N, C-alpha and C. Protein backbone atom coordinates (compact mmCIF):
# COMPACT_ATOMS: atom_id res chain seq x y z
N MET A 1 -67.12 14.85 -16.35
CA MET A 1 -65.91 15.25 -16.84
C MET A 1 -64.76 15.52 -15.90
N PRO A 2 -65.23 16.12 -14.64
CA PRO A 2 -64.17 16.38 -13.65
C PRO A 2 -63.51 15.09 -13.27
N ASP A 3 -64.39 14.03 -13.18
CA ASP A 3 -63.89 12.77 -12.67
C ASP A 3 -62.94 12.18 -13.76
N ASP A 4 -63.20 12.39 -15.04
CA ASP A 4 -62.22 11.95 -16.04
C ASP A 4 -61.03 12.79 -15.98
N ASP A 5 -61.07 14.13 -15.77
CA ASP A 5 -59.85 14.86 -15.53
C ASP A 5 -59.02 14.50 -14.38
N ASP A 6 -59.64 14.17 -13.31
CA ASP A 6 -58.95 13.65 -12.15
C ASP A 6 -58.15 12.34 -12.43
N ARG A 7 -58.89 11.48 -13.14
CA ARG A 7 -58.31 10.22 -13.52
C ARG A 7 -57.02 10.45 -14.36
N VAL A 8 -57.18 11.34 -15.36
CA VAL A 8 -56.15 11.69 -16.27
C VAL A 8 -55.01 12.27 -15.48
N HIS A 9 -55.27 13.17 -14.58
CA HIS A 9 -54.24 13.81 -13.77
C HIS A 9 -53.59 12.83 -12.84
N GLN A 10 -54.32 11.97 -12.20
CA GLN A 10 -53.78 10.93 -11.39
C GLN A 10 -52.88 9.96 -12.11
N ALA A 11 -53.37 9.63 -13.38
CA ALA A 11 -52.64 8.66 -14.19
C ALA A 11 -51.25 9.37 -14.63
N GLY A 12 -51.34 10.56 -14.90
CA GLY A 12 -50.06 11.38 -15.24
C GLY A 12 -49.14 11.38 -14.13
N ARG A 13 -49.55 11.56 -12.89
CA ARG A 13 -48.75 11.59 -11.72
C ARG A 13 -48.13 10.24 -11.51
N THR A 14 -48.90 9.29 -11.67
CA THR A 14 -48.43 7.90 -11.56
C THR A 14 -47.25 7.47 -12.53
N GLU A 15 -47.55 7.92 -13.69
CA GLU A 15 -46.47 7.64 -14.77
C GLU A 15 -45.26 8.51 -14.42
N LEU A 16 -45.40 9.69 -13.93
CA LEU A 16 -44.24 10.40 -13.58
C LEU A 16 -43.41 9.74 -12.46
N ARG A 17 -44.18 9.25 -11.46
CA ARG A 17 -43.43 8.53 -10.41
C ARG A 17 -42.85 7.24 -10.95
N GLU A 18 -43.52 6.53 -11.76
CA GLU A 18 -42.86 5.38 -12.35
C GLU A 18 -41.63 5.75 -13.21
N LEU A 19 -41.71 6.85 -13.99
CA LEU A 19 -40.65 7.26 -14.87
C LEU A 19 -39.35 7.65 -13.91
N VAL A 20 -39.66 8.37 -12.88
CA VAL A 20 -38.58 8.69 -12.00
C VAL A 20 -37.91 7.45 -11.37
N ALA A 21 -38.71 6.54 -10.96
CA ALA A 21 -38.28 5.24 -10.32
C ALA A 21 -37.40 4.46 -11.35
N VAL A 22 -37.92 4.48 -12.61
CA VAL A 22 -37.18 3.72 -13.60
C VAL A 22 -35.75 4.38 -13.92
N VAL A 23 -35.77 5.74 -13.89
CA VAL A 23 -34.55 6.40 -14.10
C VAL A 23 -33.56 6.16 -12.95
N VAL A 24 -34.10 6.23 -11.76
CA VAL A 24 -33.25 5.97 -10.58
C VAL A 24 -32.77 4.59 -10.65
N LEU A 25 -33.60 3.61 -10.81
CA LEU A 25 -33.22 2.28 -10.84
C LEU A 25 -32.05 2.01 -11.99
N SER A 26 -32.37 2.60 -13.20
CA SER A 26 -31.39 2.39 -14.27
C SER A 26 -30.07 3.03 -13.96
N VAL A 27 -30.07 4.27 -13.40
CA VAL A 27 -28.80 4.83 -13.15
C VAL A 27 -28.03 4.11 -12.11
N THR A 28 -28.82 3.72 -10.98
CA THR A 28 -28.19 3.06 -9.79
C THR A 28 -27.63 1.61 -10.29
N ALA A 29 -28.33 1.03 -11.17
CA ALA A 29 -27.80 -0.33 -11.59
C ALA A 29 -26.51 -0.15 -12.26
N VAL A 30 -26.32 0.89 -13.14
CA VAL A 30 -25.08 1.09 -13.87
C VAL A 30 -23.98 1.56 -12.80
N LEU A 31 -24.27 2.31 -11.92
CA LEU A 31 -23.25 2.81 -10.94
C LEU A 31 -22.86 1.60 -10.03
N THR A 32 -23.86 0.69 -9.66
CA THR A 32 -23.58 -0.40 -8.85
C THR A 32 -22.58 -1.35 -9.64
N ALA A 33 -22.80 -1.57 -10.93
CA ALA A 33 -21.86 -2.30 -11.70
C ALA A 33 -20.44 -1.66 -11.83
N TRP A 34 -20.52 -0.37 -11.96
CA TRP A 34 -19.14 0.33 -12.02
C TRP A 34 -18.51 0.22 -10.70
N SER A 35 -19.16 0.38 -9.60
CA SER A 35 -18.54 0.25 -8.23
C SER A 35 -17.92 -1.17 -8.10
N GLY A 36 -18.72 -2.15 -8.49
CA GLY A 36 -18.21 -3.56 -8.33
C GLY A 36 -16.96 -3.80 -9.23
N PHE A 37 -16.92 -3.09 -10.44
CA PHE A 37 -15.83 -3.24 -11.31
C PHE A 37 -14.51 -2.59 -10.66
N GLU A 38 -14.82 -1.39 -10.11
CA GLU A 38 -13.61 -0.74 -9.38
C GLU A 38 -13.13 -1.43 -8.21
N ALA A 39 -14.05 -2.03 -7.46
CA ALA A 39 -13.65 -2.84 -6.31
C ALA A 39 -12.78 -4.00 -6.68
N SER A 40 -13.24 -4.66 -7.91
CA SER A 40 -12.46 -5.83 -8.35
C SER A 40 -11.03 -5.33 -8.88
N LYS A 41 -10.99 -4.24 -9.57
CA LYS A 41 -9.68 -3.62 -10.11
C LYS A 41 -8.79 -3.41 -8.86
N TRP A 42 -9.32 -2.73 -7.87
CA TRP A 42 -8.45 -2.31 -6.74
C TRP A 42 -7.99 -3.56 -5.92
N GLY A 43 -8.81 -4.55 -5.95
CA GLY A 43 -8.41 -5.84 -5.27
C GLY A 43 -7.36 -6.41 -5.99
N GLY A 44 -7.32 -6.35 -7.35
CA GLY A 44 -6.22 -6.86 -8.20
C GLY A 44 -4.91 -6.05 -7.94
N GLU A 45 -5.07 -4.74 -7.88
CA GLU A 45 -3.91 -3.92 -7.60
C GLU A 45 -3.34 -4.26 -6.16
N MET A 46 -4.15 -4.59 -5.26
CA MET A 46 -3.67 -4.91 -3.97
C MET A 46 -2.92 -6.20 -3.96
N SER A 47 -3.41 -7.19 -4.76
CA SER A 47 -2.62 -8.52 -4.73
C SER A 47 -1.37 -8.25 -5.46
N ILE A 48 -1.26 -7.47 -6.57
CA ILE A 48 -0.05 -7.22 -7.22
C ILE A 48 0.96 -6.48 -6.28
N ALA A 49 0.57 -5.52 -5.52
CA ALA A 49 1.43 -4.79 -4.61
C ALA A 49 1.87 -5.82 -3.52
N PHE A 50 1.04 -6.64 -3.01
CA PHE A 50 1.47 -7.60 -1.93
C PHE A 50 2.51 -8.50 -2.53
N SER A 51 2.37 -9.00 -3.74
CA SER A 51 3.29 -9.83 -4.36
C SER A 51 4.66 -9.21 -4.66
N ARG A 52 4.56 -7.94 -5.07
CA ARG A 52 5.81 -7.28 -5.24
C ARG A 52 6.51 -6.97 -3.88
N ALA A 53 5.74 -6.69 -2.99
CA ALA A 53 6.38 -6.53 -1.54
C ALA A 53 7.05 -7.75 -1.08
N SER A 54 6.39 -8.94 -1.40
CA SER A 54 6.95 -10.21 -1.00
C SER A 54 8.26 -10.50 -1.65
N THR A 55 8.29 -10.11 -2.98
CA THR A 55 9.45 -10.27 -3.86
C THR A 55 10.67 -9.42 -3.31
N ALA A 56 10.20 -8.18 -2.91
CA ALA A 56 11.27 -7.24 -2.46
C ALA A 56 11.85 -7.82 -0.99
N ARG A 57 10.95 -8.38 -0.19
CA ARG A 57 11.44 -8.85 0.96
C ARG A 57 12.41 -9.98 0.78
N ILE A 58 12.14 -10.91 -0.20
CA ILE A 58 13.06 -12.02 -0.54
C ILE A 58 14.43 -11.41 -1.01
N GLU A 59 14.33 -10.40 -1.84
CA GLU A 59 15.60 -9.76 -2.28
C GLU A 59 16.36 -9.19 -1.16
N ALA A 60 15.64 -8.56 -0.20
CA ALA A 60 16.33 -7.96 0.86
C ALA A 60 16.94 -9.09 1.84
N SER A 61 16.28 -10.17 1.90
CA SER A 61 16.87 -11.22 2.76
C SER A 61 18.09 -11.81 2.05
N ARG A 62 18.02 -11.93 0.76
CA ARG A 62 19.23 -12.48 0.07
C ARG A 62 20.39 -11.43 0.10
N ASP A 63 20.07 -10.21 0.05
CA ASP A 63 21.17 -9.17 0.01
C ASP A 63 21.69 -9.12 1.44
N ALA A 64 20.93 -9.18 2.46
CA ALA A 64 21.31 -9.14 3.83
C ALA A 64 22.10 -10.39 4.16
N ALA A 65 21.84 -11.54 3.59
CA ALA A 65 22.73 -12.69 3.85
C ALA A 65 24.01 -12.56 3.17
N GLU A 66 24.12 -11.90 2.07
CA GLU A 66 25.41 -11.53 1.41
C GLU A 66 26.26 -10.60 2.31
N ALA A 67 25.58 -9.64 2.82
CA ALA A 67 26.26 -8.65 3.67
C ALA A 67 26.71 -9.35 5.03
N ASP A 68 25.90 -10.24 5.58
CA ASP A 68 26.35 -10.99 6.81
C ASP A 68 27.47 -11.78 6.52
N ALA A 69 27.54 -12.50 5.36
CA ALA A 69 28.67 -13.39 5.02
C ALA A 69 29.97 -12.55 4.87
N ALA A 70 29.78 -11.38 4.27
CA ALA A 70 31.11 -10.55 4.07
C ALA A 70 31.49 -10.03 5.39
N ARG A 71 30.47 -9.59 6.21
CA ARG A 71 30.87 -9.08 7.58
C ARG A 71 31.51 -10.17 8.40
N GLY A 72 31.10 -11.36 8.22
CA GLY A 72 31.76 -12.51 8.97
C GLY A 72 33.21 -12.75 8.55
N PHE A 73 33.37 -12.67 7.28
CA PHE A 73 34.71 -12.80 6.81
C PHE A 73 35.56 -11.73 7.33
N ASP A 74 35.17 -10.55 7.22
CA ASP A 74 35.94 -9.42 7.67
C ASP A 74 36.18 -9.55 9.16
N LEU A 75 35.27 -9.86 9.93
CA LEU A 75 35.51 -10.09 11.41
C LEU A 75 36.58 -11.13 11.69
N ASP A 76 36.51 -12.15 10.95
CA ASP A 76 37.50 -13.18 11.23
C ASP A 76 38.94 -12.67 10.86
N VAL A 77 39.01 -12.04 9.74
CA VAL A 77 40.37 -11.52 9.29
C VAL A 77 40.85 -10.42 10.30
N PHE A 78 39.93 -9.55 10.79
CA PHE A 78 40.35 -8.43 11.58
C PHE A 78 40.67 -9.00 13.06
N SER A 79 40.07 -10.13 13.48
CA SER A 79 40.41 -10.71 14.76
C SER A 79 41.82 -11.26 14.71
N VAL A 80 42.26 -11.87 13.52
CA VAL A 80 43.61 -12.31 13.37
C VAL A 80 44.53 -11.01 13.44
N TYR A 81 44.08 -10.04 12.81
CA TYR A 81 44.99 -8.74 12.73
C TYR A 81 45.13 -8.23 14.14
N VAL A 82 44.07 -8.30 15.01
CA VAL A 82 44.15 -7.73 16.35
C VAL A 82 45.15 -8.70 17.21
N GLN A 83 45.06 -9.96 16.99
CA GLN A 83 45.94 -10.92 17.66
C GLN A 83 47.41 -10.72 17.24
N ALA A 84 47.63 -10.46 15.97
CA ALA A 84 48.95 -10.15 15.57
C ALA A 84 49.53 -8.89 16.23
N VAL A 85 48.66 -7.78 16.26
CA VAL A 85 49.06 -6.54 16.85
C VAL A 85 49.40 -6.78 18.32
N ALA A 86 48.56 -7.53 18.97
CA ALA A 86 48.72 -7.88 20.41
C ALA A 86 50.00 -8.65 20.64
N ALA A 87 50.32 -9.56 19.81
CA ALA A 87 51.47 -10.41 20.04
C ALA A 87 52.76 -9.77 19.43
N GLY A 88 52.52 -8.53 18.86
CA GLY A 88 53.74 -7.94 18.22
C GLY A 88 54.36 -8.59 17.02
N ASP A 89 53.61 -9.43 16.36
CA ASP A 89 54.01 -10.16 15.16
C ASP A 89 53.81 -9.26 13.91
N GLU A 90 54.78 -8.56 13.52
CA GLU A 90 54.74 -7.58 12.50
C GLU A 90 54.57 -8.22 11.07
N ALA A 91 55.16 -9.40 10.92
CA ALA A 91 55.03 -10.04 9.70
C ALA A 91 53.54 -10.52 9.45
N LEU A 92 53.01 -11.12 10.49
CA LEU A 92 51.60 -11.66 10.51
C LEU A 92 50.68 -10.41 10.28
N ARG A 93 50.98 -9.31 10.99
CA ARG A 93 50.07 -8.15 10.82
C ARG A 93 49.95 -7.69 9.46
N GLN A 94 51.31 -7.58 8.78
CA GLN A 94 51.30 -7.13 7.42
C GLN A 94 50.65 -8.11 6.46
N PHE A 95 50.82 -9.26 6.69
CA PHE A 95 50.27 -10.35 5.87
C PHE A 95 48.64 -10.29 5.93
N VAL A 96 48.19 -10.19 7.21
CA VAL A 96 46.76 -10.16 7.38
C VAL A 96 46.17 -8.96 6.77
N GLN A 97 46.83 -7.72 6.85
CA GLN A 97 46.39 -6.56 6.27
C GLN A 97 46.14 -6.61 4.79
N THR A 98 47.13 -7.47 4.17
CA THR A 98 46.94 -7.60 2.71
C THR A 98 45.69 -8.44 2.30
N ARG A 99 45.16 -9.17 3.37
CA ARG A 99 43.95 -9.95 3.07
C ARG A 99 42.67 -9.25 3.29
N PHE A 100 42.79 -7.97 3.68
CA PHE A 100 41.47 -7.12 3.93
C PHE A 100 40.72 -7.00 2.61
N THR A 101 39.39 -7.16 2.71
CA THR A 101 38.70 -6.90 1.51
C THR A 101 38.58 -5.38 1.10
N ASP A 102 38.32 -5.13 -0.06
CA ASP A 102 38.33 -3.67 -0.50
C ASP A 102 37.35 -2.83 0.38
N HIS A 103 36.19 -3.25 0.68
CA HIS A 103 35.18 -2.43 1.42
C HIS A 103 35.64 -2.35 2.87
N PHE A 104 36.28 -3.33 3.35
CA PHE A 104 36.81 -3.23 4.78
C PHE A 104 38.12 -2.37 4.82
N ALA A 105 38.91 -2.43 3.85
CA ALA A 105 40.05 -1.57 3.83
C ALA A 105 39.83 -0.07 3.86
N VAL A 106 38.64 0.33 3.22
CA VAL A 106 38.28 1.66 3.25
C VAL A 106 37.99 2.17 4.69
N ALA A 107 37.16 1.27 5.37
CA ALA A 107 36.86 1.59 6.71
C ALA A 107 38.07 1.50 7.71
N PHE A 108 38.97 0.56 7.37
CA PHE A 108 40.15 0.35 8.19
C PHE A 108 41.01 1.64 8.05
N ASP A 109 41.18 2.07 6.84
CA ASP A 109 42.00 3.29 6.72
C ASP A 109 41.47 4.44 7.38
N ALA A 110 40.09 4.60 7.41
CA ALA A 110 39.46 5.75 8.06
C ALA A 110 39.56 5.59 9.64
N TRP A 111 39.57 4.35 10.07
CA TRP A 111 39.75 4.05 11.54
C TRP A 111 41.16 4.35 11.99
N THR A 112 42.12 3.87 11.23
CA THR A 112 43.54 4.15 11.72
C THR A 112 43.95 5.63 11.63
N ALA A 113 43.18 6.35 10.80
CA ALA A 113 43.44 7.68 10.64
C ALA A 113 43.08 8.47 11.93
N MET A 114 42.22 7.93 12.75
CA MET A 114 41.69 8.42 14.02
C MET A 114 42.63 8.07 15.16
N SER A 115 43.68 7.48 14.80
CA SER A 115 44.71 7.03 15.94
C SER A 115 43.91 6.28 17.10
N PRO A 116 43.25 5.13 16.83
CA PRO A 116 42.48 4.53 17.85
C PRO A 116 43.26 4.15 19.11
N LEU A 117 44.53 3.84 18.97
CA LEU A 117 45.16 3.50 20.28
C LEU A 117 45.44 4.65 21.20
N ALA A 118 45.60 5.75 20.57
CA ALA A 118 45.85 7.02 21.42
C ALA A 118 44.59 7.74 21.62
N ASN A 119 43.47 7.61 20.81
CA ASN A 119 42.39 8.48 20.91
C ASN A 119 41.26 7.63 21.61
N PRO A 120 40.84 7.93 22.87
CA PRO A 120 39.84 7.18 23.46
C PRO A 120 38.43 7.45 22.94
N ASP A 121 38.32 8.51 22.19
CA ASP A 121 36.97 8.70 21.67
C ASP A 121 36.83 7.94 20.25
N ALA A 122 37.85 7.38 19.72
CA ALA A 122 37.64 6.65 18.52
C ALA A 122 36.91 5.38 18.70
N PRO A 123 36.25 4.95 17.64
CA PRO A 123 35.45 3.73 17.71
C PRO A 123 36.44 2.47 17.96
N LYS A 124 35.98 1.46 18.64
CA LYS A 124 36.71 0.30 18.97
C LYS A 124 37.15 -0.48 17.76
N SER A 125 36.55 -0.34 16.70
CA SER A 125 36.87 -1.13 15.46
C SER A 125 36.33 -0.43 14.24
N PRO A 126 36.77 -0.76 13.06
CA PRO A 126 36.34 -0.14 11.82
C PRO A 126 34.84 -0.38 11.52
N PHE A 127 34.35 -1.55 12.19
CA PHE A 127 33.00 -2.01 11.85
C PHE A 127 31.96 -0.86 12.34
N ALA A 128 32.39 -0.01 13.26
CA ALA A 128 31.47 1.01 13.74
C ALA A 128 31.42 2.26 12.88
N LEU A 129 32.22 2.32 11.96
CA LEU A 129 32.23 3.45 11.10
C LEU A 129 31.31 3.43 9.93
N PRO A 130 30.77 4.54 9.57
CA PRO A 130 29.77 4.55 8.45
C PRO A 130 30.46 4.11 7.09
N GLU A 131 31.89 4.27 7.06
CA GLU A 131 32.61 3.89 5.80
C GLU A 131 32.52 2.34 5.61
N TYR A 132 32.16 1.66 6.72
CA TYR A 132 32.13 0.22 6.44
C TYR A 132 30.82 -0.19 5.87
N GLN A 133 30.80 -0.54 4.72
CA GLN A 133 29.61 -0.99 3.93
C GLN A 133 29.81 -2.23 3.29
N PRO A 134 29.50 -3.44 3.92
CA PRO A 134 29.71 -4.65 3.20
C PRO A 134 28.82 -4.76 2.02
N PRO A 135 29.26 -5.54 0.97
CA PRO A 135 28.42 -5.61 -0.24
C PRO A 135 27.09 -6.32 0.13
N GLY A 136 26.09 -5.82 -0.33
CA GLY A 136 24.67 -6.27 -0.10
C GLY A 136 23.90 -5.41 1.03
N ALA A 137 24.62 -4.66 1.80
CA ALA A 137 24.00 -4.08 2.84
C ALA A 137 23.11 -2.91 2.36
N ALA A 138 23.65 -2.09 1.47
CA ALA A 138 22.88 -1.03 0.98
C ALA A 138 21.73 -1.53 0.06
N GLU A 139 21.99 -2.56 -0.73
CA GLU A 139 20.87 -3.13 -1.49
C GLU A 139 19.78 -3.76 -0.58
N ALA A 140 20.17 -4.38 0.53
CA ALA A 140 19.12 -4.93 1.54
C ALA A 140 18.36 -3.79 2.04
N ALA A 141 18.97 -2.71 2.44
CA ALA A 141 18.21 -1.54 2.95
C ALA A 141 17.17 -1.00 1.99
N ALA A 142 17.66 -0.86 0.68
CA ALA A 142 16.90 -0.33 -0.30
C ALA A 142 15.67 -1.28 -0.64
N ALA A 143 15.95 -2.54 -0.68
CA ALA A 143 14.79 -3.53 -0.88
C ALA A 143 13.90 -3.56 0.25
N ASP A 144 14.32 -3.43 1.46
CA ASP A 144 13.51 -3.35 2.56
C ASP A 144 12.57 -2.09 2.49
N ALA A 145 13.14 -1.02 2.11
CA ALA A 145 12.37 0.28 2.04
C ALA A 145 11.36 0.10 0.89
N ARG A 146 11.69 -0.55 -0.18
CA ARG A 146 10.84 -0.74 -1.38
C ARG A 146 9.77 -1.65 -0.82
N ALA A 147 10.02 -2.74 -0.20
CA ALA A 147 9.01 -3.63 0.41
C ALA A 147 8.03 -2.95 1.33
N ASP A 148 8.53 -2.04 2.18
CA ASP A 148 7.58 -1.33 3.04
C ASP A 148 6.73 -0.39 2.30
N ALA A 149 7.24 0.32 1.27
CA ALA A 149 6.46 1.14 0.45
C ALA A 149 5.31 0.30 -0.24
N LEU A 150 5.65 -0.81 -0.78
CA LEU A 150 4.82 -1.66 -1.61
C LEU A 150 3.67 -2.23 -0.61
N PHE A 151 4.12 -2.55 0.60
CA PHE A 151 3.09 -3.13 1.54
C PHE A 151 2.07 -2.04 1.90
N ALA A 152 2.61 -0.76 2.16
CA ALA A 152 1.65 0.25 2.45
C ALA A 152 0.69 0.63 1.28
N GLU A 153 1.30 0.42 0.04
CA GLU A 153 0.43 0.68 -1.16
C GLU A 153 -0.61 -0.36 -1.21
N ALA A 154 -0.22 -1.55 -0.96
CA ALA A 154 -1.24 -2.70 -0.88
C ALA A 154 -2.35 -2.46 0.05
N LEU A 155 -1.99 -2.04 1.27
CA LEU A 155 -3.07 -1.64 2.25
C LEU A 155 -3.97 -0.62 1.73
N GLU A 156 -3.40 0.42 1.18
CA GLU A 156 -4.15 1.50 0.67
C GLU A 156 -5.10 1.09 -0.54
N ASN A 157 -4.62 0.17 -1.38
CA ASN A 157 -5.43 -0.38 -2.42
C ASN A 157 -6.49 -1.19 -1.85
N ASN A 158 -6.27 -1.95 -0.83
CA ASN A 158 -7.28 -2.78 -0.13
C ASN A 158 -8.36 -1.88 0.38
N GLN A 159 -7.92 -0.76 1.06
CA GLN A 159 -8.93 0.13 1.50
C GLN A 159 -9.88 0.84 0.36
N ARG A 160 -9.25 1.07 -0.68
CA ARG A 160 -9.98 1.59 -1.71
C ARG A 160 -11.01 0.55 -2.35
N GLY A 161 -10.41 -0.59 -2.45
CA GLY A 161 -11.45 -1.73 -2.87
C GLY A 161 -12.64 -1.79 -1.86
N ASP A 162 -12.29 -1.69 -0.63
CA ASP A 162 -13.38 -1.85 0.42
C ASP A 162 -14.31 -0.70 0.30
N ASN A 163 -13.76 0.45 0.03
CA ASN A 163 -14.65 1.74 -0.14
C ASN A 163 -15.64 1.58 -1.28
N TYR A 164 -15.19 0.88 -2.35
CA TYR A 164 -16.00 0.72 -3.47
C TYR A 164 -17.01 -0.44 -3.21
N THR A 165 -16.65 -1.44 -2.34
CA THR A 165 -17.57 -2.44 -2.00
C THR A 165 -18.73 -1.87 -1.10
N LEU A 166 -18.29 -1.03 -0.22
CA LEU A 166 -19.37 -0.21 0.68
C LEU A 166 -20.36 0.61 -0.24
N LEU A 167 -19.74 1.09 -1.31
CA LEU A 167 -20.55 1.97 -2.15
C LEU A 167 -21.54 1.10 -2.93
N THR A 168 -21.12 -0.17 -3.23
CA THR A 168 -22.09 -1.03 -3.93
C THR A 168 -23.26 -1.33 -2.93
N VAL A 169 -23.02 -1.40 -1.67
CA VAL A 169 -24.03 -1.66 -0.63
C VAL A 169 -25.03 -0.36 -0.55
N LEU A 170 -24.37 0.79 -0.59
CA LEU A 170 -25.17 1.97 -0.64
C LEU A 170 -26.13 2.04 -1.83
N PHE A 171 -25.59 1.69 -2.97
CA PHE A 171 -26.39 1.72 -4.19
C PHE A 171 -27.50 0.61 -4.12
N ALA A 172 -27.17 -0.44 -3.48
CA ALA A 172 -28.08 -1.55 -3.26
C ALA A 172 -29.31 -1.04 -2.45
N LEU A 173 -28.99 -0.21 -1.50
CA LEU A 173 -30.03 0.47 -0.68
C LEU A 173 -30.93 1.33 -1.50
N VAL A 174 -30.26 2.08 -2.40
CA VAL A 174 -31.13 2.88 -3.26
C VAL A 174 -32.08 2.02 -4.18
N LEU A 175 -31.54 0.89 -4.69
CA LEU A 175 -32.37 0.01 -5.47
C LEU A 175 -33.50 -0.46 -4.59
N PHE A 176 -33.17 -0.90 -3.32
CA PHE A 176 -34.09 -1.45 -2.41
C PHE A 176 -35.29 -0.48 -2.15
N PHE A 177 -34.98 0.71 -1.86
CA PHE A 177 -35.96 1.82 -1.49
C PHE A 177 -36.93 2.19 -2.68
N THR A 178 -36.11 2.18 -3.91
CA THR A 178 -36.86 2.63 -5.03
C THR A 178 -37.89 1.58 -5.47
N ALA A 179 -37.45 0.30 -5.27
CA ALA A 179 -38.37 -0.81 -5.54
C ALA A 179 -39.58 -0.77 -4.60
N VAL A 180 -39.25 -0.54 -3.35
CA VAL A 180 -40.29 -0.61 -2.32
C VAL A 180 -41.31 0.56 -2.60
N SER A 181 -40.83 1.68 -3.06
CA SER A 181 -41.71 2.86 -3.27
C SER A 181 -42.76 2.52 -4.22
N GLN A 182 -42.55 1.60 -5.20
CA GLN A 182 -43.53 1.26 -6.17
C GLN A 182 -44.71 0.38 -5.78
N ARG A 183 -44.45 -0.12 -4.49
CA ARG A 183 -45.42 -1.02 -3.93
C ARG A 183 -46.35 -0.28 -2.93
N LEU A 184 -46.06 0.97 -2.73
CA LEU A 184 -46.80 1.79 -1.70
C LEU A 184 -48.08 2.37 -2.39
N ARG A 185 -49.09 2.40 -1.63
CA ARG A 185 -50.39 2.90 -2.10
C ARG A 185 -50.54 4.40 -2.01
N SER A 186 -49.85 4.94 -1.09
CA SER A 186 -49.92 6.42 -0.77
C SER A 186 -48.91 7.12 -1.77
N ALA A 187 -49.50 8.08 -2.51
CA ALA A 187 -48.58 8.78 -3.48
C ALA A 187 -47.60 9.62 -2.65
N SER A 188 -48.01 10.27 -1.67
CA SER A 188 -47.07 11.18 -0.95
C SER A 188 -45.94 10.31 -0.15
N LEU A 189 -46.38 9.24 0.35
CA LEU A 189 -45.24 8.30 0.95
C LEU A 189 -44.38 7.77 -0.14
N THR A 190 -44.94 7.45 -1.35
CA THR A 190 -44.10 7.07 -2.46
C THR A 190 -43.00 8.08 -2.88
N TRP A 191 -43.49 9.32 -2.86
CA TRP A 191 -42.51 10.41 -3.20
C TRP A 191 -41.49 10.52 -2.04
N VAL A 192 -41.94 10.34 -0.82
CA VAL A 192 -40.94 10.43 0.31
C VAL A 192 -39.93 9.37 0.11
N VAL A 193 -40.35 8.22 -0.12
CA VAL A 193 -39.37 7.00 -0.21
C VAL A 193 -38.40 7.23 -1.48
N ILE A 194 -39.05 7.71 -2.61
CA ILE A 194 -38.22 7.91 -3.78
C ILE A 194 -37.25 9.07 -3.47
N GLY A 195 -37.65 10.03 -2.79
CA GLY A 195 -36.83 11.18 -2.45
C GLY A 195 -35.69 10.74 -1.57
N GLY A 196 -35.94 9.84 -0.61
CA GLY A 196 -34.87 9.34 0.17
C GLY A 196 -33.86 8.45 -0.65
N ALA A 197 -34.47 7.68 -1.55
CA ALA A 197 -33.46 6.95 -2.43
C ALA A 197 -32.69 7.76 -3.28
N MET A 198 -33.26 8.89 -3.83
CA MET A 198 -32.42 9.82 -4.69
C MET A 198 -31.44 10.51 -3.84
N ALA A 199 -31.73 10.83 -2.56
CA ALA A 199 -30.71 11.41 -1.66
C ALA A 199 -29.54 10.46 -1.52
N LEU A 200 -29.73 9.31 -1.17
CA LEU A 200 -28.69 8.28 -1.06
C LEU A 200 -27.99 8.14 -2.37
N LEU A 201 -28.72 8.21 -3.46
CA LEU A 201 -28.04 8.05 -4.76
C LEU A 201 -27.14 9.25 -5.04
N LEU A 202 -27.46 10.49 -4.60
CA LEU A 202 -26.55 11.64 -4.79
C LEU A 202 -25.41 11.58 -3.84
N VAL A 203 -25.59 11.03 -2.60
CA VAL A 203 -24.46 10.77 -1.78
C VAL A 203 -23.42 9.82 -2.38
N GLY A 204 -24.04 8.66 -2.91
CA GLY A 204 -23.09 7.73 -3.55
C GLY A 204 -22.42 8.23 -4.68
N VAL A 205 -23.10 9.04 -5.59
CA VAL A 205 -22.44 9.78 -6.69
C VAL A 205 -21.34 10.56 -6.34
N GLY A 206 -21.57 11.36 -5.09
CA GLY A 206 -20.49 12.21 -4.61
C GLY A 206 -19.25 11.32 -4.17
N PHE A 207 -19.40 10.27 -3.49
CA PHE A 207 -18.40 9.39 -3.13
C PHE A 207 -17.67 8.85 -4.41
N LEU A 208 -18.45 8.42 -5.32
CA LEU A 208 -17.93 7.78 -6.46
C LEU A 208 -16.95 8.84 -7.31
N ILE A 209 -17.46 10.09 -7.32
CA ILE A 209 -16.58 11.20 -7.91
C ILE A 209 -15.27 11.21 -7.18
N ALA A 210 -15.38 11.32 -5.79
CA ALA A 210 -14.18 11.58 -5.01
C ALA A 210 -13.18 10.37 -5.03
N PHE A 211 -13.67 9.09 -5.13
CA PHE A 211 -12.82 7.93 -5.06
C PHE A 211 -11.90 7.94 -6.25
N PRO A 212 -10.56 7.48 -6.08
CA PRO A 212 -9.68 7.25 -7.21
C PRO A 212 -10.25 6.03 -8.00
N LYS A 213 -9.90 6.09 -9.34
CA LYS A 213 -10.43 5.12 -10.26
C LYS A 213 -9.34 4.47 -11.11
N ILE A 214 -9.55 3.27 -11.51
CA ILE A 214 -8.80 2.48 -12.38
C ILE A 214 -9.65 2.07 -13.56
N VAL A 215 -9.19 2.42 -14.70
CA VAL A 215 -9.96 2.05 -15.92
C VAL A 215 -9.18 1.00 -16.69
């Protein structure tokens, strides 16, 4: 009878180990699938952010080109104005001044209010003043800032996807050690390996809870 009791007790411990292993394998399989899903979702978010950043860069280039064209026109007109002043041609000066664009006229009025001919500290031209804002300049700066923010967001999303990918590797180790534990003949060694697998599983669950998620 003692032999029968020992066999029953041993069989019960074996079933317990197998039950624990099955639970660990099942839970880990689900968490591995979830981590893969999250890695895929964050990879998609990364691609979207990169695409939006590229679009913002294109918008910034288009707005900057508009600003450069406006600035070039203002420079040409102002150079004629300077020549007229230097030559003392009042009629030409007045005519050229009427050709100033609205955005340049604002900066020009602010510049002339500084008495640039008598004030050595005054800027050499209206273009150096903050009042000079050619059309497209502010939009280009805003688009550039938006592109920088989206690019940084894309890199962050990429890192999040990588974190979940590494988490799937961690869970794969849990699956590996749990499966190996079932091939060991020593009961104590089996529990050691299962315990190590469960410790890795708890670490992975902690990371999984801490990581941001997309559903």
